[in-house]
């Protein structure tokens, strides 16, 4: 990694670090809603955005809103 970038990342506050990617990334994770399997979509900062019935729908929803979906394990 570039030393200058590495040093700058070490200077980020926890809030700044949490905000990285907030406008570009969304996390998709398996969950349960009303006793059924579902998938939750969260912004990069953890803000809940949606709960849908399938992983494919969750990823499509992210992409339709110009977010890059990432699976949370």
PDB file of N, CA and C in Angstrom:
ATOM      1  N   UNK A   1       0.853  -1.186   0.000  1.00  0.00           N
ATOM      2  CA  UNK A   1       0.000   0.000   0.000  1.00  0.00           C
ATOM      3  C   UNK A   1       0.887   1.233   0.000  1.00  0.00           C
ATOM      4  N   UNK A   2       0.435   2.243  -0.653  1.00  0.00           N
ATOM      5  CA  UNK A   2       1.158   3.502  -0.692  1.00  0.00           C
ATOM      6  C   UNK A   2       1.300   4.051   0.729  1.00  0.00           C
ATOM      7  N   UNK A   3       2.504   4.406   1.120  1.00  0.00           N
ATOM      8  CA  UNK A   3       2.780   4.867   2.479  1.00  0.00           C
ATOM      9  C   UNK A   3       1.974   6.096   2.838  1.00  0.00           C
ATOM     10  N   UNK A   4       1.820   7.046   1.915  1.00  0.00           N
ATOM     11  CA  UNK A   4       1.061   8.268   2.191  1.00  0.00           C
ATOM     12  C   UNK A   4      -0.388   7.923   2.488  1.00  0.00           C
ATOM     13  N   UNK A   5      -0.991   7.068   1.690  1.00  0.00           N
ATOM     14  CA  UNK A   5      -2.385   6.662   1.910  1.00  0.00           C
ATOM     15  C   UNK A   5      -2.504   5.912   3.223  1.00  0.00           C
ATOM     16  N   UNK A   6      -1.571   5.020   3.487  1.00  0.00           N
ATOM     17  CA  UNK A   6      -1.591   4.233   4.715  1.00  0.00           C
ATOM     18  C   UNK A   6      -1.538   5.151   5.938  1.00  0.00           C
ATOM     19  N   UNK A   7      -0.664   6.139   5.929  1.00  0.00           N
ATOM     20  CA  UNK A   7      -0.562   7.070   7.047  1.00  0.00           C
ATOM     21  C   UNK A   7      -1.841   7.873   7.223  1.00  0.00           C
ATOM     22  N   UNK A   8      -2.462   8.300   6.126  1.00  0.00           N
ATOM     23  CA  UNK A   8      -3.706   9.063   6.218  1.00  0.00           C
ATOM     24  C   UNK A   8      -4.835   8.216   6.780  1.00  0.00           C
ATOM     25  N   UNK A   9      -4.902   6.940   6.413  1.00  0.00           N
ATOM     26  CA  UNK A   9      -5.941   6.067   6.956  1.00  0.00           C
ATOM     27  C   UNK A   9      -5.796   5.892   8.456  1.00  0.00           C
ATOM     28  N   UNK A  10      -4.580   5.868   8.939  1.00  0.00           N
ATOM     29  CA  UNK A  10      -4.340   5.717  10.382  1.00  0.00           C
ATOM     30  C   UNK A  10      -4.777   6.945  11.163  1.00  0.00           C
ATOM     31  N   UNK A  11      -4.913   8.068  10.502  1.00  0.00           N
ATOM     32  CA  UNK A  11      -5.310   9.315  11.167  1.00  0.00           C
ATOM     33  C   UNK A  11      -6.820   9.520  11.180  1.00  0.00           C
ATOM     34  N   UNK A  12      -7.565   8.651  10.524  1.00  0.00           N
ATOM     35  CA  UNK A  12      -9.018   8.800  10.493  1.00  0.00           C
ATOM     36  C   UNK A  12      -9.614   8.520  11.866  1.00  0.00           C
ATOM     37  N   UNK A  13     -10.589   9.313  12.229  1.00  0.00           N
ATOM     38  CA  UNK A  13     -11.328   9.040  13.466  1.00  0.00           C
ATOM     39  C   UNK A  13     -12.257   7.860  13.208  1.00  0.00           C
ATOM     40  N   UNK A  14     -12.759   7.216  14.263  1.00  0.00           N
ATOM     41  CA  UNK A  14     -13.717   6.126  14.059  1.00  0.00           C
ATOM     42  C   UNK A  14     -14.938   6.560  13.239  1.00  0.00           C
ATOM     43  N   UNK A  15     -15.408   7.786  13.440  1.00  0.00           N
ATOM     44  CA  UNK A  15     -16.568   8.279  12.676  1.00  0.00           C
ATOM     45  C   UNK A  15     -16.208   8.458  11.206  1.00  0.00           C
ATOM     46  N   UNK A  16     -15.018   8.998  10.938  1.00  0.00           N
ATOM     47  CA  UNK A  16     -14.577   9.166   9.549  1.00  0.00           C
ATOM     48  C   UNK A  16     -14.412   7.816   8.872  1.00  0.00           C
ATOM     49  N   UNK A  17     -13.835   6.869   9.586  1.00  0.00           N
ATOM     50  CA  UNK A  17     -13.626   5.543   9.022  1.00  0.00           C
ATOM     51  C   UNK A  17     -14.967   4.884   8.700  1.00  0.00           C
ATOM     52  N   UNK A  18     -15.946   5.033   9.593  1.00  0.00           N
ATOM     53  CA  UNK A  18     -17.274   4.450   9.377  1.00  0.00           C
ATOM     54  C   UNK A  18     -17.972   5.072   8.180  1.00  0.00           C
ATOM     55  N   UNK A  19     -17.650   6.322   7.872  1.00  0.00           N
ATOM     56  CA  UNK A  19     -18.305   7.023   6.766  1.00  0.00           C
ATOM     57  C   UNK A  19     -17.719   6.653   5.399  1.00  0.00           C
ATOM     58  N   UNK A  20     -16.571   5.971   5.368  1.00  0.00           N
ATOM     59  CA  UNK A  20     -15.985   5.575   4.085  1.00  0.00           C
ATOM     60  C   UNK A  20     -16.965   4.712   3.300  1.00  0.00           C
ATOM     61  N   UNK A  21     -17.230   5.086   2.089  1.00  0.00           N
ATOM     62  CA  UNK A  21     -18.104   4.297   1.222  1.00  0.00           C
ATOM     63  C   UNK A  21     -19.580   4.469   1.472  1.00  0.00           C
ATOM     64  N   UNK A  22     -19.961   5.340   2.386  1.00  0.00           N
ATOM     65  CA  UNK A  22     -21.371   5.455   2.754  1.00  0.00           C
ATOM     66  C   UNK A  22     -22.259   5.826   1.566  1.00  0.00           C
ATOM     67  N   UNK A  23     -21.721   6.541   0.607  1.00  0.00           N
ATOM     68  CA  UNK A  23     -22.521   6.927  -0.552  1.00  0.00           C
ATOM     69  C   UNK A  23     -22.417   5.936  -1.705  1.00  0.00           C
ATOM     70  N   UNK A  24     -21.576   4.915  -1.560  1.00  0.00           N
ATOM     71  CA  UNK A  24     -21.317   3.996  -2.669  1.00  0.00           C
ATOM     72  C   UNK A  24     -21.587   2.525  -2.371  1.00  0.00           C
ATOM     73  N   UNK A  25     -21.569   2.141  -1.107  1.00  0.00           N
ATOM     74  CA  UNK A  25     -21.656   0.729  -0.736  1.00  0.00           C
ATOM     75  C   UNK A  25     -22.903   0.434   0.076  1.00  0.00           C
ATOM     76  N   UNK A  26     -23.390  -0.792  -0.058  1.00  0.00           N
ATOM     77  CA  UNK A  26     -24.474  -1.284   0.791  1.00  0.00           C
ATOM     78  C   UNK A  26     -24.141  -2.724   1.177  1.00  0.00           C
ATOM     79  N   UNK A  27     -24.508  -3.101   2.376  1.00  0.00           N
ATOM     80  CA  UNK A  27     -24.257  -4.444   2.863  1.00  0.00           C
ATOM     81  C   UNK A  27     -25.559  -5.226   2.901  1.00  0.00           C
ATOM     82  N   UNK A  28     -25.482  -6.460   2.437  1.00  0.00           N
ATOM     83  CA  UNK A  28     -26.650  -7.340   2.414  1.00  0.00           C
ATOM     84  C   UNK A  28     -26.362  -8.507   3.349  1.00  0.00           C
ATOM     85  N   UNK A  29     -27.298  -8.784   4.254  1.00  0.00           N
ATOM     86  CA  UNK A  29     -27.099  -9.913   5.167  1.00  0.00           C
ATOM     87  C   UNK A  29     -28.397 -10.672   5.364  1.00  0.00           C
ATOM     88  N   UNK A  30     -28.245 -11.956   5.586  1.00  0.00           N
ATOM     89  CA  UNK A  30     -29.404 -12.804   5.841  1.00  0.00           C
ATOM     90  C   UNK A  30     -30.004 -12.427   7.195  1.00  0.00           C
ATOM     91  N   UNK A  31     -31.326 -12.454   7.264  1.00  0.00           N
ATOM     92  CA  UNK A  31     -32.028 -12.122   8.502  1.00  0.00           C
ATOM     93  C   UNK A  31     -33.361 -12.856   8.503  1.00  0.00           C
ATOM     94  N   UNK A  32     -34.222 -12.498   9.397  1.00  0.00           N
ATOM     95  CA  UNK A  32     -35.559 -13.080   9.466  1.00  0.00           C
ATOM     96  C   UNK A  32     -36.563 -11.954   9.645  1.00  0.00           C
ATOM     97  N   UNK A  33     -37.683 -12.044   8.937  1.00  0.00           N
ATOM     98  CA  UNK A  33     -38.752 -11.050   9.059  1.00  0.00           C
ATOM     99  C   UNK A  33     -40.083 -11.791   9.110  1.00  0.00           C
ATOM    100  N   UNK A  34     -40.847 -11.537  10.126  1.00  0.00           N
ATOM    101  CA  UNK A  34     -42.144 -12.190  10.316  1.00  0.00           C
ATOM    102  C   UNK A  34     -42.011 -13.713  10.259  1.00  0.00           C
ATOM    103  N   UNK A  35     -40.941 -14.242  10.844  1.00  0.00           N
ATOM    104  CA  UNK A  35     -40.732 -15.679  10.903  1.00  0.00           C
ATOM    105  C   UNK A  35     -40.249 -16.312   9.607  1.00  0.00           C
ATOM    106  N   UNK A  36     -39.956 -15.512   8.602  1.00  0.00           N
ATOM    107  CA  UNK A  36     -39.501 -16.010   7.297  1.00  0.00           C
ATOM    108  C   UNK A  36     -38.073 -15.548   7.031  1.00  0.00           C
ATOM    109  N   UNK A  37     -37.350 -16.337   6.255  1.00  0.00           N
ATOM    110  CA  UNK A  37     -36.004 -15.932   5.832  1.00  0.00           C
ATOM    111  C   UNK A  37     -36.122 -14.674   4.979  1.00  0.00           C
ATOM    112  N   UNK A  38     -35.188 -13.757   5.170  1.00  0.00           N
ATOM    113  CA  UNK A  38     -35.198 -12.489   4.435  1.00  0.00           C
ATOM    114  C   UNK A  38     -33.763 -11.981   4.326  1.00  0.00           C
ATOM    115  N   UNK A  39     -33.599 -10.867   3.625  1.00  0.00           N
ATOM    116  CA  UNK A  39     -32.290 -10.242   3.468  1.00  0.00           C
ATOM    117  C   UNK A  39     -32.413  -8.763   3.780  1.00  0.00           C
ATOM    118  N   UNK A  40     -31.561  -8.293   4.672  1.00  0.00           N
ATOM    119  CA  UNK A  40     -31.551  -6.887   5.063  1.00  0.00           C
ATOM    120  C   UNK A  40     -30.482  -6.150   4.275  1.00  0.00           C
ATOM    121  N   UNK A  41     -30.804  -4.938   3.862  1.00  0.00           N
ATOM    122  CA  UNK A  41     -29.859  -4.070   3.159  1.00  0.00           C
ATOM    123  C   UNK A  41     -29.539  -2.916   4.106  1.00  0.00           C
ATOM    124  N   UNK A  42     -28.232  -2.681   4.311  1.00  0.00           N
ATOM    125  CA  UNK A  42     -27.772  -1.615   5.196  1.00  0.00           C
ATOM    126  C   UNK A  42     -26.796  -0.718   4.452  1.00  0.00           C
ATOM    127  N   UNK A  43     -26.831   0.573   4.746  1.00  0.00           N
ATOM    128  CA  UNK A  43     -25.831   1.504   4.217  1.00  0.00           C
ATOM    129  C   UNK A  43     -24.482   1.156   4.826  1.00  0.00           C
ATOM    130  N   UNK A  44     -23.421   1.676   4.252  1.00  0.00           N
ATOM    131  CA  UNK A  44     -22.068   1.384   4.732  1.00  0.00           C
ATOM    132  C   UNK A  44     -21.889   1.762   6.199  1.00  0.00           C
ATOM    133  N   UNK A  45     -22.637   2.745   6.686  1.00  0.00           N
ATOM    134  CA  UNK A  45     -22.519   3.158   8.085  1.00  0.00           C
ATOM    135  C   UNK A  45     -23.420   2.352   9.019  1.00  0.00           C
ATOM    136  N   UNK A  46     -24.116   1.341   8.471  1.00  0.00           N
ATOM    137  CA  UNK A  46     -24.973   0.479   9.283  1.00  0.00           C
ATOM    138  C   UNK A  46     -26.433   0.877   9.303  1.00  0.00           C
ATOM    139  N   UNK A  47     -26.795   1.978   8.695  1.00  0.00           N
ATOM    140  CA  UNK A  47     -28.192   2.416   8.664  1.00  0.00           C
ATOM    141  C   UNK A  47     -29.034   1.411   7.888  1.00  0.00           C
ATOM    142  N   UNK A  48     -30.107   0.869   8.496  1.00  0.00           N
ATOM    143  CA  UNK A  48     -30.973  -0.063   7.774  1.00  0.00           C
ATOM    144  C   UNK A  48     -31.698   0.652   6.634  1.00  0.00           C
ATOM    145  N   UNK A  49     -31.716   0.026   5.460  1.00  0.00           N
ATOM    146  CA  UNK A  49     -32.369   0.616   4.290  1.00  0.00           C
ATOM    147  C   UNK A  49     -33.599  -0.156   3.846  1.00  0.00           C
ATOM    148  N   UNK A  50     -33.532  -1.495   3.902  1.00  0.00           N
ATOM    149  CA  UNK A  50     -34.656  -2.297   3.418  1.00  0.00           C
ATOM    150  C   UNK A  50     -34.514  -3.738   3.890  1.00  0.00           C
ATOM    151  N   UNK A  51     -35.631  -4.442   3.884  1.00  0.00           N
ATOM    152  CA  UNK A  51     -35.654  -5.891   4.109  1.00  0.00           C
ATOM    153  C   UNK A  51     -36.493  -6.479   2.983  1.00  0.00           C
ATOM    154  N   UNK A  52     -35.911  -7.445   2.271  1.00  0.00           N
ATOM    155  CA  UNK A  52     -36.590  -8.047   1.123  1.00  0.00           C
ATOM    156  C   UNK A  52     -36.516  -9.572   1.230  1.00  0.00           C
ATOM    157  N   UNK A  53     -37.280 -10.249   0.377  1.00  0.00           N
ATOM    158  CA  UNK A  53     -37.426 -11.701   0.471  1.00  0.00           C
ATOM    159  C   UNK A  53     -36.247 -12.505  -0.062  1.00  0.00           C
ATOM    160  N   UNK A  54     -35.466 -11.947  -0.996  1.00  0.00           N
ATOM    161  CA  UNK A  54     -34.385 -12.753  -1.569  1.00  0.00           C
ATOM    162  C   UNK A  54     -33.103 -11.946  -1.723  1.00  0.00           C
ATOM    163  N   UNK A  55     -31.997 -12.664  -1.759  1.00  0.00           N
ATOM    164  CA  UNK A  55     -30.688 -12.044  -1.943  1.00  0.00           C
ATOM    165  C   UNK A  55     -30.612 -11.355  -3.302  1.00  0.00           C
ATOM    166  N   UNK A  56     -31.137 -11.995  -4.335  1.00  0.00           N
ATOM    167  CA  UNK A  56     -31.119 -11.406  -5.675  1.00  0.00           C
ATOM    168  C   UNK A  56     -31.865 -10.077  -5.712  1.00  0.00           C
ATOM    169  N   UNK A  57     -32.997 -10.007  -5.049  1.00  0.00           N
ATOM    170  CA  UNK A  57     -33.767  -8.760  -4.995  1.00  0.00           C
ATOM    171  C   UNK A  57     -32.985  -7.700  -4.215  1.00  0.00           C
ATOM    172  N   UNK A  58     -32.333  -8.093  -3.142  1.00  0.00           N
ATOM    173  CA  UNK A  58     -31.538  -7.153  -2.350  1.00  0.00           C
ATOM    174  C   UNK A  58     -30.416  -6.557  -3.199  1.00  0.00           C
ATOM    175  N   UNK A  59     -29.707  -7.412  -3.951  1.00  0.00           N
ATOM    176  CA  UNK A  59     -28.616  -6.927  -4.793  1.00  0.00           C
ATOM    177  C   UNK A  59     -29.151  -6.025  -5.913  1.00  0.00           C
ATOM    178  N   UNK A  60     -30.281  -6.406  -6.507  1.00  0.00           N
ATOM    179  CA  UNK A  60     -30.880  -5.580  -7.562  1.00  0.00           C
ATOM    180  C   UNK A  60     -31.303  -4.221  -7.003  1.00  0.00           C
ATOM    181  N   UNK A  61     -31.868  -4.213  -5.818  1.00  0.00           N
ATOM    182  CA  UNK A  61     -32.282  -2.970  -5.178  1.00  0.00           C
ATOM    183  C   UNK A  61     -31.089  -2.042  -4.957  1.00  0.00           C
ATOM    184  N   UNK A  62     -29.989  -2.608  -4.498  1.00  0.00           N
ATOM    185  CA  UNK A  62     -28.771  -1.809  -4.310  1.00  0.00           C
ATOM    186  C   UNK A  62     -28.328  -1.188  -5.625  1.00  0.00           C
ATOM    187  N   UNK A  63     -28.231  -2.003  -6.646  1.00  0.00           N
ATOM    188  CA  UNK A  63     -27.735  -1.525  -7.939  1.00  0.00           C
ATOM    189  C   UNK A  63     -28.671  -0.488  -8.565  1.00  0.00           C
ATOM    190  N   UNK A  64     -29.977  -0.657  -8.372  1.00  0.00           N
ATOM    191  CA  UNK A  64     -30.934   0.321  -8.900  1.00  0.00           C
ATOM    192  C   UNK A  64     -30.770   1.681  -8.233  1.00  0.00           C
ATOM    193  N   UNK A  65     -30.183   1.671  -7.050  1.00  0.00           N
ATOM    194  CA  UNK A  65     -29.975   2.912  -6.308  1.00  0.00           C
ATOM    195  C   UNK A  65     -28.505   3.337  -6.306  1.00  0.00           C
ATOM    196  N   UNK A  66     -27.775   2.869  -7.327  1.00  0.00           N
ATOM    197  CA  UNK A  66     -26.373   3.245  -7.534  1.00  0.00           C
ATOM    198  C   UNK A  66     -25.463   2.916  -6.343  1.00  0.00           C
ATOM    199  N   UNK A  67     -25.763   1.798  -5.677  1.00  0.00           N
ATOM    200  CA  UNK A  67     -24.919   1.301  -4.588  1.00  0.00           C
ATOM    201  C   UNK A  67     -24.298  -0.014  -4.998  1.00  0.00           C
ATOM    202  N   UNK A  68     -23.078  -0.258  -4.556  1.00  0.00           N
ATOM    203  CA  UNK A  68     -22.409  -1.523  -4.824  1.00  0.00           C
ATOM    204  C   UNK A  68     -22.714  -2.461  -3.666  1.00  0.00           C
ATOM    205  N   UNK A  69     -23.430  -3.561  -3.921  1.00  0.00           N
ATOM    206  CA  UNK A  69     -23.801  -4.472  -2.835  1.00  0.00           C
ATOM    207  C   UNK A  69     -22.626  -5.362  -2.421  1.00  0.00           C
ATOM    208  N   UNK A  70     -22.504  -5.564  -1.126  1.00  0.00           N
ATOM    209  CA  UNK A  70     -21.500  -6.469  -0.557  1.00  0.00           C
ATOM    210  C   UNK A  70     -22.206  -7.416   0.400  1.00  0.00           C
ATOM    211  N   UNK A  71     -21.827  -8.678   0.367  1.00  0.00           N
ATOM    212  CA  UNK A  71     -22.402  -9.651   1.302  1.00  0.00           C
ATOM    213  C   UNK A  71     -21.743  -9.525   2.654  1.00  0.00           C
ATOM    214  N   UNK A  72     -22.553  -9.542   3.690  1.00  0.00           N
ATOM    215  CA  UNK A  72     -22.039  -9.564   5.051  1.00  0.00           C
ATOM    216  C   UNK A  72     -22.170 -10.988   5.556  1.00  0.00           C
ATOM    217  N   UNK A  73     -21.087 -11.522   6.053  1.00  0.00           N
ATOM    218  CA  UNK A  73     -21.105 -12.927   6.504  1.00  0.00           C
ATOM    219  C   UNK A  73     -21.238 -13.002   7.983  1.00  0.00           C
TER     220      UNK A  73
END
